[in-house]
């Protein structure tokens, strides 16, 4: 899958920028997203969607999710702790 095309001279900088944006997210949500992508691609669409919903439901009770919602409501940058 391709989501961006860039010049070879800017490839590393743009890749690192993307990686930094991913790393700024809650570690639990990044892990669940990677897990869902990996296993979801091996399933039919309906099963993949159910797998994704289950992954989300595992994140609902986490401190990081509450922090993300609070930060959004307070218009500030979240401080994720991986809990």
Protein backbone atom coordinates (compact mmCIF):
# COMPACT_ATOMS: atom_id res chain seq x y z
CA UNK A 1 0.00 0.00 0.00
CA UNK A 2 1.24 3.46 -0.84
CA UNK A 3 0.01 6.53 0.96
CA UNK A 4 2.62 9.00 -0.24
CA UNK A 5 5.17 9.40 -3.00
CA UNK A 6 8.23 11.51 -2.36
CA UNK A 7 11.57 12.30 -3.89
CA UNK A 8 14.41 9.92 -2.97
CA UNK A 9 16.29 12.79 -1.33
CA UNK A 10 13.41 13.41 1.13
CA UNK A 11 12.43 9.78 1.73
CA UNK A 12 14.31 9.31 5.02
CA UNK A 13 13.15 12.62 6.50
CA UNK A 14 9.52 11.96 5.55
CA UNK A 15 9.72 8.39 6.87
CA UNK A 16 11.10 9.59 10.20
CA UNK A 17 8.43 12.31 10.38
CA UNK A 18 5.73 9.67 9.88
CA UNK A 19 7.32 7.42 12.51
CA UNK A 20 7.42 10.31 15.00
CA UNK A 21 3.72 11.04 14.44
CA UNK A 22 2.89 7.38 15.05
CA UNK A 23 5.09 7.30 18.17
CA UNK A 24 3.26 10.33 19.62
CA UNK A 25 0.10 8.22 19.93
CA UNK A 26 -0.82 6.03 22.89
CA UNK A 27 1.41 2.92 22.88
CA UNK A 28 -1.58 0.67 23.56
CA UNK A 29 -3.52 2.03 20.59
CA UNK A 30 -0.53 1.73 18.25
CA UNK A 31 -0.02 -1.88 19.35
CA UNK A 32 -3.70 -2.69 18.85
CA UNK A 33 -3.70 -1.02 15.42
CA UNK A 34 -0.64 -3.00 14.30
CA UNK A 35 -2.19 -6.19 15.64
CA UNK A 36 -5.49 -5.49 13.84
CA UNK A 37 -3.75 -4.68 10.56
CA UNK A 38 -1.56 -7.79 10.71
CA UNK A 39 -4.32 -10.24 11.52
CA UNK A 40 -7.15 -8.36 9.79
CA UNK A 41 -5.46 -8.62 6.42
CA UNK A 42 -5.57 -12.41 6.78
CA UNK A 43 -9.36 -12.48 7.28
CA UNK A 44 -12.46 -11.74 5.27
CA UNK A 45 -13.82 -8.21 5.65
CA UNK A 46 -16.55 -9.05 8.17
CA UNK A 47 -14.18 -11.02 10.43
CA UNK A 48 -11.56 -8.26 10.15
CA UNK A 49 -14.08 -5.63 11.20
CA UNK A 50 -15.13 -7.72 14.19
CA UNK A 51 -11.47 -8.21 15.14
CA UNK A 52 -10.98 -4.42 14.98
CA UNK A 53 -14.02 -3.79 17.19
CA UNK A 54 -12.68 -6.25 19.75
CA UNK A 55 -9.30 -4.49 19.67
CA UNK A 56 -11.01 -1.15 20.32
CA UNK A 57 -13.06 -2.62 23.16
CA UNK A 58 -9.85 -3.77 24.85
CA UNK A 59 -8.67 -0.14 24.88
CA UNK A 60 -11.86 1.40 26.30
CA UNK A 61 -10.96 0.95 29.99
CA UNK A 62 -7.34 2.16 29.65
CA UNK A 63 -5.93 5.28 31.26
CA UNK A 64 -4.48 6.35 27.92
CA UNK A 65 -7.92 6.39 26.31
CA UNK A 66 -9.28 8.56 29.13
CA UNK A 67 -6.24 10.84 28.80
CA UNK A 68 -6.79 11.13 25.04
CA UNK A 69 -10.44 12.09 25.47
CA UNK A 70 -9.59 14.58 28.24
CA UNK A 71 -6.79 16.14 26.20
CA UNK A 72 -9.08 16.49 23.18
CA UNK A 73 -11.82 18.12 25.27
CA UNK A 74 -9.30 20.44 26.94
CA UNK A 75 -7.62 21.22 23.58
CA UNK A 76 -4.18 20.16 24.78
CA UNK A 77 -1.59 17.60 23.76
CA UNK A 78 -2.13 14.24 25.51
CA UNK A 79 0.43 12.70 27.85
CA UNK A 80 0.22 8.97 27.23
CA UNK A 81 1.76 6.53 29.74
CA UNK A 82 1.04 3.15 28.16
CA UNK A 83 -1.57 2.20 30.74
